[in-house]
C-alpha atoms as a PDB file:
ATOM      1  CA  MET A   1       0.000   0.000   0.000  1.00  0.00           C
ATOM      2  CA  SER A   2       1.482   3.332  -1.062  1.00  0.00           C
ATOM      3  CA  GLU A   3       1.712   6.239   1.337  1.00  0.00           C
ATOM      4  CA  PRO A   4      -1.411   8.461   1.350  1.00  0.00           C
ATOM      5  CA  VAL A   5      -0.788  11.787  -0.352  1.00  0.00           C
ATOM      6  CA  VAL A   6      -2.107  14.956   1.289  1.00  0.00           C
ATOM      7  CA  LYS A   7      -2.674  17.642  -1.322  1.00  0.00           C
ATOM      8  CA  ASN A   8      -2.681  20.619   0.995  1.00  0.00           C
ATOM      9  CA  GLU A   9      -2.205  21.642   4.597  1.00  0.00           C
ATOM     10  CA  ARG A  10      -5.776  22.667   5.340  1.00  0.00           C
ATOM     11  CA  ARG A  11      -7.450  21.015   8.276  1.00  0.00           C
ATOM     12  CA  VAL A  12      -9.789  18.184   7.484  1.00  0.00           C
ATOM     13  CA  GLU A  13     -13.355  18.717   8.641  1.00  0.00           C
ATOM     14  CA  ALA A  14     -15.040  16.228  10.965  1.00  0.00           C
ATOM     15  CA  LEU A  15     -16.068  13.021   9.244  1.00  0.00           C
ATOM     16  CA  PRO A  16     -19.781  12.752   8.306  1.00  0.00           C
ATOM     17  CA  VAL A  17     -22.001  10.913  10.777  1.00  0.00           C
ATOM     18  CA  ASP A  18     -22.623   8.016   8.382  1.00  0.00           C
ATOM     19  CA  SER A  19     -18.870   7.620   7.813  1.00  0.00           C
ATOM     20  CA  LEU A  20     -18.282   7.611  11.562  1.00  0.00           C
ATOM     21  CA  LEU A  21     -20.942   4.918  12.049  1.00  0.00           C
ATOM     22  CA  ILE A  22     -19.419   2.754   9.317  1.00  0.00           C
ATOM     23  CA  GLN A  23     -15.960   3.297  10.769  1.00  0.00           C
ATOM     24  CA  ARG A  24     -17.153   2.387  14.268  1.00  0.00           C
ATOM     25  CA  PHE A  25     -18.901  -0.761  13.013  1.00  0.00           C
ATOM     26  CA  GLY A  26     -15.786  -1.840  11.130  1.00  0.00           C
ATOM     27  CA  GLU A  27     -13.706  -1.105  14.196  1.00  0.00           C
ATOM     28  CA  LYS A  28     -15.911  -3.299  16.391  1.00  0.00           C
ATOM     29  CA  VAL A  29     -15.651  -6.166  13.920  1.00  0.00           C
ATOM     30  CA  CYS A  30     -11.854  -5.821  13.818  1.00  0.00           C
ATOM     31  CA  VAL A  31     -11.629  -5.697  17.622  1.00  0.00           C
ATOM     32  CA  LEU A  32     -13.825  -8.783  17.976  1.00  0.00           C
ATOM     33  CA  ILE A  33     -11.562 -10.682  15.588  1.00  0.00           C
ATOM     34  CA  ALA A  34      -8.475  -9.325  17.365  1.00  0.00           C
ATOM     35  CA  LEU A  35      -9.802 -10.452  20.751  1.00  0.00           C
ATOM     36  CA  ILE A  36     -10.359 -13.964  19.414  1.00  0.00           C
ATOM     37  CA  VAL A  37      -6.904 -14.100  17.820  1.00  0.00           C
ATOM     38  CA  ALA A  38      -5.267 -12.518  20.882  1.00  0.00           C
ATOM     39  CA  ALA A  39      -6.959 -14.813  23.409  1.00  0.00           C
ATOM     40  CA  LEU A  40      -3.924 -17.111  23.659  1.00  0.00           C
ATOM     41  CA  PRO A  41      -1.321 -14.275  23.761  1.00  0.00           C
ATOM     42  CA  LEU A  42      -3.438 -12.553  26.418  1.00  0.00           C
ATOM     43  CA  ALA A  43      -3.540 -15.694  28.549  1.00  0.00           C
ATOM     44  CA  VAL A  44       0.180 -16.414  28.127  1.00  0.00           C
ATOM     45  CA  THR A  45       1.127 -12.804  28.895  1.00  0.00           C
ATOM     46  CA  ALA A  46      -1.056 -12.835  32.006  1.00  0.00           C
ATOM     47  CA  LEU A  47       0.648 -16.017  33.233  1.00  0.00           C
ATOM     48  CA  VAL A  48       4.106 -14.569  32.558  1.00  0.00           C
ATOM     49  CA  ILE A  49       3.273 -11.411  34.509  1.00  0.00           C
ATOM     50  CA  TYR A  50       1.872 -13.480  37.378  1.00  0.00           C
ATOM     51  CA  PHE A  51       5.014 -15.614  37.726  1.00  0.00           C
ATOM     52  CA  VAL A  52       7.512 -12.793  37.100  1.00  0.00           C
ATOM     53  CA  LEU A  53       5.897  -9.859  38.923  1.00  0.00           C
ATOM     54  CA  GLY A  54       2.984 -11.344  40.843  1.00  0.00           C
ATOM     55  CA  LYS A  55      -0.262  -9.490  41.441  1.00  0.00           C
ATOM     56  CA  PRO A  56      -1.791  -7.188  40.336  1.00  0.00           C
ATOM     57  CA  LEU A  57      -1.577  -8.239  36.714  1.00  0.00           C
ATOM     58  CA  LEU A  58      -2.841  -4.936  35.340  1.00  0.00           C
ATOM     59  CA  PHE A  59      -1.682  -1.344  35.620  1.00  0.00           C
ATOM     60  CA  THR A  60      -4.693   0.999  35.564  1.00  0.00           C
ATOM     61  CA  GLN A  61      -4.662   4.778  35.309  1.00  0.00           C
ATOM     62  CA  ASN A  62      -6.823   7.742  34.280  1.00  0.00           C
ATOM     63  CA  ARG A  63      -6.035   9.075  30.804  1.00  0.00           C
ATOM     64  CA  VAL A  64      -7.586  11.785  28.633  1.00  0.00           C
ATOM     65  CA  GLY A  65      -9.868  10.701  25.820  1.00  0.00           C
ATOM     66  CA  GLN A  66     -11.856  12.429  23.113  1.00  0.00           C
ATOM     67  CA  GLY A  67     -13.271  15.786  24.149  1.00  0.00           C
ATOM     68  CA  MET A  68     -10.941  15.916  27.178  1.00  0.00           C
ATOM     69  CA  GLN A  69     -13.022  13.245  28.916  1.00  0.00           C
ATOM     70  CA  LEU A  70     -11.161  11.043  31.410  1.00  0.00           C
ATOM     71  CA  PHE A  71     -11.342   7.264  31.141  1.00  0.00           C
ATOM     72  CA  ARG A  72      -9.595   4.329  32.794  1.00  0.00           C
ATOM     73  CA  ILE A  73      -6.897   2.676  30.732  1.00  0.00           C
ATOM     74  CA  SER A  74      -5.417  -0.729  31.515  1.00  0.00           C
ATOM     75  CA  LYS A  75      -2.298  -2.546  30.398  1.00  0.00           C
ATOM     76  CA  PHE A  76      -0.334  -5.490  31.694  1.00  0.00           C
ATOM     77  CA  ARG A  77       2.054  -4.494  34.468  1.00  0.00           C
ATOM     78  CA  THR A  78       5.674  -4.765  33.289  1.00  0.00           C
ATOM     79  CA  MET A  79       7.648  -3.192  36.144  1.00  0.00           C
ATOM     80  CA  HIS A  80       8.522  -4.000  39.731  1.00  0.00           C
ATOM     81  CA  ASP A  81       7.657  -1.461  42.409  1.00  0.00           C
ATOM     82  CA  TYR A  82      11.310  -0.919  43.327  1.00  0.00           C
ATOM     83  CA  ARG A  83      12.074   2.312  45.193  1.00  0.00           C
ATOM     84  CA  ASP A  84      15.186   4.100  46.438  1.00  0.00           C
ATOM     85  CA  SER A  85      16.026   4.926  50.060  1.00  0.00           C
ATOM     86  CA  LYS A  86      13.827   8.041  49.880  1.00  0.00           C
ATOM     87  CA  GLY A  87      10.800   6.108  48.692  1.00  0.00           C
ATOM     88  CA  ALA A  88      10.923   7.353  45.094  1.00  0.00           C
ATOM     89  CA  LEU A  89      10.412   4.874  42.269  1.00  0.00           C
ATOM     90  CA  LEU A  90      13.578   3.807  40.493  1.00  0.00           C
ATOM     91  CA  PRO A  91      13.931   4.605  36.750  1.00  0.00           C
ATOM     92  CA  ASP A  92      11.782   2.462  34.464  1.00  0.00           C
ATOM     93  CA  ALA A  93      14.788   0.592  33.061  1.00  0.00           C
ATOM     94  CA  ASP A  94      15.794  -0.517  36.571  1.00  0.00           C
ATOM     95  CA  ARG A  95      12.339  -1.918  37.337  1.00  0.00           C
ATOM     96  CA  GLN A  96      11.946  -4.100  34.258  1.00  0.00           C
ATOM     97  CA  THR A  97      13.105  -7.652  33.653  1.00  0.00           C
ATOM     98  CA  PRO A  98      14.346  -9.157  30.367  1.00  0.00           C
ATOM     99  CA  ILE A  99      10.986 -10.878  29.957  1.00  0.00           C
ATOM    100  CA  THR A 100       8.899  -7.756  30.562  1.00  0.00           C
ATOM    101  CA  LYS A 101      11.173  -5.792  28.214  1.00  0.00           C
ATOM    102  CA  PHE A 102      10.314  -8.376  25.566  1.00  0.00           C
ATOM    103  CA  LEU A 103       6.596  -7.912  26.261  1.00  0.00           C
ATOM    104  CA  ARG A 104       6.937  -4.143  25.902  1.00  0.00           C
ATOM    105  CA  ARG A 105       9.063  -4.447  22.756  1.00  0.00           C
ATOM    106  CA  PHE A 106       6.266  -6.302  20.961  1.00  0.00           C
ATOM    107  CA  ARG A 107       3.477  -4.273  22.637  1.00  0.00           C
ATOM    108  CA  LEU A 108       1.958  -7.351  24.275  1.00  0.00           C
ATOM    109  CA  ASP A 109       1.411  -5.302  27.431  1.00  0.00           C
ATOM    110  CA  GLU A 110      -1.051  -3.129  25.475  1.00  0.00           C
ATOM    111  CA  LEU A 111      -3.413  -5.985  24.545  1.00  0.00           C
ATOM    112  CA  PRO A 112      -5.948  -5.231  27.345  1.00  0.00           C
ATOM    113  CA  GLN A 113      -6.637  -1.923  25.578  1.00  0.00           C
ATOM    114  CA  LEU A 114      -8.637  -3.864  22.993  1.00  0.00           C
ATOM    115  CA  ILE A 115     -11.406  -3.716  25.615  1.00  0.00           C
ATOM    116  CA  MET A 116     -11.126   0.095  25.696  1.00  0.00           C
ATOM    117  CA  ILE A 117     -11.564   0.124  21.916  1.00  0.00           C
ATOM    118  CA  TRP A 118     -14.592  -2.174  22.129  1.00  0.00           C
ATOM    119  CA  ARG A 119     -16.365   0.087  24.616  1.00  0.00           C
ATOM    120  CA  GLY A 120     -15.549   3.216  22.594  1.00  0.00           C
ATOM    121  CA  ASP A 121     -13.017   4.982  24.821  1.00  0.00           C
ATOM    122  CA  MET A 122     -10.225   4.363  22.313  1.00  0.00           C
ATOM    123  CA  ALA A 123      -9.775   3.748  18.600  1.00  0.00           C
ATOM    124  CA  ILE A 124      -7.445   1.350  16.826  1.00  0.00           C
ATOM    125  CA  VAL A 125      -5.533   4.309  15.346  1.00  0.00           C
ATOM    126  CA  GLY A 126      -5.127   7.704  16.980  1.00  0.00           C
ATOM    127  CA  PRO A 127      -2.849   9.735  19.253  1.00  0.00           C
ATOM    128  CA  ARG A 128      -1.804   7.719  22.292  1.00  0.00           C
ATOM    129  CA  PRO A 129      -3.812   8.498  25.463  1.00  0.00           C
ATOM    130  CA  LEU A 130      -1.885  10.729  27.859  1.00  0.00           C
ATOM    131  CA  LEU A 131      -2.179  11.968  31.439  1.00  0.00           C
ATOM    132  CA  LEU A 132      -4.322  15.056  32.067  1.00  0.00           C
ATOM    133  CA  GLU A 133      -1.363  17.116  33.282  1.00  0.00           C
ATOM    134  CA  THR A 134       0.558  16.261  30.105  1.00  0.00           C
ATOM    135  CA  ILE A 135      -2.348  17.375  27.916  1.00  0.00           C
ATOM    136  CA  GLU A 136      -2.772  20.579  29.926  1.00  0.00           C
ATOM    137  CA  GLN A 137       0.893  21.454  29.361  1.00  0.00           C
ATOM    138  CA  MET A 138       0.166  21.511  25.624  1.00  0.00           C
ATOM    139  CA  GLY A 139      -2.295  24.385  26.001  1.00  0.00           C
ATOM    140  CA  TRP A 140      -4.929  24.731  23.271  1.00  0.00           C
ATOM    141  CA  LEU A 141      -3.065  22.186  21.146  1.00  0.00           C
ATOM    142  CA  GLY A 142      -3.814  19.585  23.806  1.00  0.00           C
ATOM    143  CA  GLY A 143      -7.527  20.146  23.315  1.00  0.00           C
ATOM    144  CA  HIS A 144      -7.138  19.944  19.543  1.00  0.00           C
ATOM    145  CA  ARG A 145      -5.181  16.711  19.919  1.00  0.00           C
ATOM    146  CA  CYS A 146      -8.095  15.309  21.923  1.00  0.00           C
ATOM    147  CA  SER A 147     -10.662  16.090  19.221  1.00  0.00           C
ATOM    148  CA  VAL A 148     -10.374  12.436  18.173  1.00  0.00           C
ATOM    149  CA  ARG A 149     -10.327   9.236  20.197  1.00  0.00           C
ATOM    150  CA  PRO A 150      -6.894   8.110  21.390  1.00  0.00           C
ATOM    151  CA  GLY A 151      -5.524   5.040  19.677  1.00  0.00           C
ATOM    152  CA  LEU A 152      -3.797   1.754  20.345  1.00  0.00           C
ATOM    153  CA  THR A 153      -1.275   2.799  17.703  1.00  0.00           C
ATOM    154  CA  GLY A 154      -0.707   6.120  15.999  1.00  0.00           C
ATOM    155  CA  TRP A 155       1.223   8.287  13.559  1.00  0.00           C
ATOM    156  CA  GLY A 156       3.736   9.189  16.236  1.00  0.00           C
ATOM    157  CA  GLN A 157       4.337   5.564  17.216  1.00  0.00           C
ATOM    158  CA  VAL A 158       5.151   4.461  13.650  1.00  0.00           C
ATOM    159  CA  ASN A 159       7.398   7.440  12.902  1.00  0.00           C
ATOM    160  CA  GLY A 160       9.773   7.331  15.833  1.00  0.00           C
ATOM    161  CA  GLY A 161       7.863   6.465  18.997  1.00  0.00           C
ATOM    162  CA  GLN A 162      10.017   6.742  22.095  1.00  0.00           C
ATOM    163  CA  ARG A 163      12.933   8.081  20.033  1.00  0.00           C
ATOM    164  CA  LEU A 164      11.036  11.368  19.586  1.00  0.00           C
ATOM    165  CA  ASN A 165      10.940  14.319  21.955  1.00  0.00           C
ATOM    166  CA  ASN A 166       7.623  15.695  23.213  1.00  0.00           C
ATOM    167  CA  THR A 167       7.394  18.457  20.586  1.00  0.00           C
ATOM    168  CA  GLN A 168       8.004  15.995  17.770  1.00  0.00           C
ATOM    169  CA  LYS A 169       5.363  13.621  19.137  1.00  0.00           C
ATOM    170  CA  LEU A 170       2.869  16.487  19.379  1.00  0.00           C
ATOM    171  CA  ALA A 171       3.617  17.598  15.814  1.00  0.00           C
ATOM    172  CA  LEU A 172       2.976  14.111  14.441  1.00  0.00           C
ATOM    173  CA  ASP A 173      -0.225  13.785  16.481  1.00  0.00           C
ATOM    174  CA  ILE A 174      -1.570  17.156  15.293  1.00  0.00           C
ATOM    175  CA  TRP A 175      -0.716  16.283  11.694  1.00  0.00           C
ATOM    176  CA  TYR A 176      -2.661  13.035  12.061  1.00  0.00           C
ATOM    177  CA  VAL A 177      -5.680  14.756  13.617  1.00  0.00           C
ATOM    178  CA  ASP A 178      -5.793  17.290  10.773  1.00  0.00           C
ATOM    179  CA  HIS A 179      -5.350  14.726   7.983  1.00  0.00           C
ATOM    180  CA  ARG A 180      -7.012  11.585   9.296  1.00  0.00           C
ATOM    181  CA  SER A 181      -8.742   9.283   6.840  1.00  0.00           C
ATOM    182  CA  VAL A 182      -9.492   5.602   6.400  1.00  0.00           C
ATOM    183  CA  SER A 183      -6.560   5.215   3.998  1.00  0.00           C
ATOM    184  CA  LEU A 184      -4.207   6.902   6.463  1.00  0.00           C
ATOM    185  CA  ASP A 185      -5.390   4.600   9.259  1.00  0.00           C
ATOM    186  CA  LEU A 186      -4.746   1.541   7.089  1.00  0.00           C
ATOM    187  CA  PHE A 187      -1.283   2.888   6.298  1.00  0.00           C
ATOM    188  CA  VAL A 188      -0.602   3.348  10.023  1.00  0.00           C
ATOM    189  CA  LEU A 189      -1.591  -0.272  10.660  1.00  0.00           C
ATOM    190  CA  LEU A 190       0.855  -1.476   8.001  1.00  0.00           C
ATOM    191  CA  LEU A 191       3.601   0.691   9.473  1.00  0.00           C
ATOM    192  CA  THR A 192       2.752  -0.693  12.924  1.00  0.00           C
ATOM    193  CA  LEU A 193       3.503  -4.214  11.716  1.00  0.00           C
ATOM    194  CA  LYS A 194       6.796  -2.975  10.269  1.00  0.00           C
ATOM    195  CA  THR A 195       7.670  -1.234  13.549  1.00  0.00           C
ATOM    196  CA  LEU A 196       6.990  -4.399  15.530  1.00  0.00           C
ATOM    197  CA  LEU A 197       9.324  -6.337  13.240  1.00  0.00           C
ATOM    198  CA  VAL A 198      12.251  -3.915  12.880  1.00  0.00           C
ATOM    199  CA  GLY A 199      11.834  -1.604  15.870  1.00  0.00           C
ATOM    200  CA  GLU A 200      11.223   2.137  16.135  1.00  0.00           C
ATOM    201  CA  ARG A 201      12.812   4.324  13.468  1.00  0.00           C
ATOM    202  CA  ILE A 202      12.451   8.089  13.016  1.00  0.00           C
ATOM    203  CA  ASN A 203      11.136   8.964   9.564  1.00  0.00           C
ATOM    204  CA  LYS A 204      12.817  12.317   9.005  1.00  0.00           C
ATOM    205  CA  GLN A 205      10.710  13.271   5.987  1.00  0.00           C
ATOM    206  CA  ARG A 206       7.359  12.703   7.694  1.00  0.00           C
ATOM    207  CA  LEU A 207       8.648  14.362  10.853  1.00  0.00           C
ATOM    208  CA  ALA A 208       9.725  17.458   8.893  1.00  0.00           C
ATOM    209  CA  ILE A 209       6.280  17.678   7.277  1.00  0.00           C
ATOM    210  CA  ALA A 210       4.607  17.377  10.682  1.00  0.00           C
ATOM    211  CA  MET A 211       6.849  20.013  12.269  1.00  0.00           C
ATOM    212  CA  SER A 212       6.124  22.407   9.392  1.00  0.00           C
ATOM    213  CA  HIS A 213       2.405  21.766   9.778  1.00  0.00           C
ATOM    214  CA  LEU A 214       2.580  22.417  13.521  1.00  0.00           C
ATOM    215  CA  ALA A 215       4.285  25.763  12.885  1.00  0.00           C
ATOM    216  CA  LYS A 216       1.547  26.740  10.403  1.00  0.00           C
ATOM    217  CA  VAL A 217      -1.215  25.683  12.794  1.00  0.00           C
ATOM    218  CA  HIS A 218       0.360  27.692  15.601  1.00  0.00           C
ATOM    219  CA  ALA A 219       0.784  30.754  13.357  1.00  0.00           C
ATOM    220  CA  ALA A 220      -2.849  30.513  12.254  1.00  0.00           C
ATOM    221  CA  HIS A 221      -3.968  30.331  15.879  1.00  0.00           C
ATOM    222  CA  VAL A 222      -1.927  33.414  16.790  1.00  0.00           C
ATOM    223  CA  ALA A 223      -3.423  35.269  13.812  1.00  0.00           C
ATOM    224  CA  ASP A 224      -6.940  34.281  14.883  1.00  0.00           C
ATOM    225  CA  LEU A 225      -6.299  35.618  18.381  1.00  0.00           C
ATOM    226  CA  ALA A 226      -4.936  38.871  16.942  1.00  0.00           C
ATOM    227  CA  ASN A 227      -8.075  39.307  14.841  1.00  0.00           C
ATOM    228  CA  LEU A 228     -10.199  39.051  17.974  1.00  0.00           C
ATOM    229  CA  ASP A 229      -8.482  42.075  19.536  1.00  0.00           C
END
């Protein structure tokens, strides 16, 4: 599948209601199939977590969804609760084991989020769900980022993931929100498979396009505010 071509930098309007209903129906079908296929990996991962880390099996936390609404997100726990002499948690790398690093590498810890997609809190593709304080630090861009449902995978994850800084992640997320389409989502899914196989790689071309788009969006927002004065 070739990369979707965006002809201009204008923001895409909200999808029609009938398109959203079709998309949601297709999403539910895909999630149902995924849950059936993932039943064995889910069970095996749960057993691994139980024997390596013990209970609880799941890590649960409030995250921000579409429209700035909070929802509970769950994933398999992949870290020990190791703390230093002052009671502060040790760095993530010091609290993982080789086995849990493997689970995180292939995103097996994210499988419980299929339930969040089924109930409508998340989508298959979209910006990753973040903490409220992280979204608030983004200002008005945080609200714009949350105009769509957060996803299990996203444009930022397939174009650099954890190798990106926060500004780069935001730029890729905003670009996705403003250019989302069914073809783009399918392309993200294909890139997700590639990322799982070869690991995270920064795509400099797509990142440059996203950073340029973010600058234009910010400039347009500043101009809009100036016109209100």
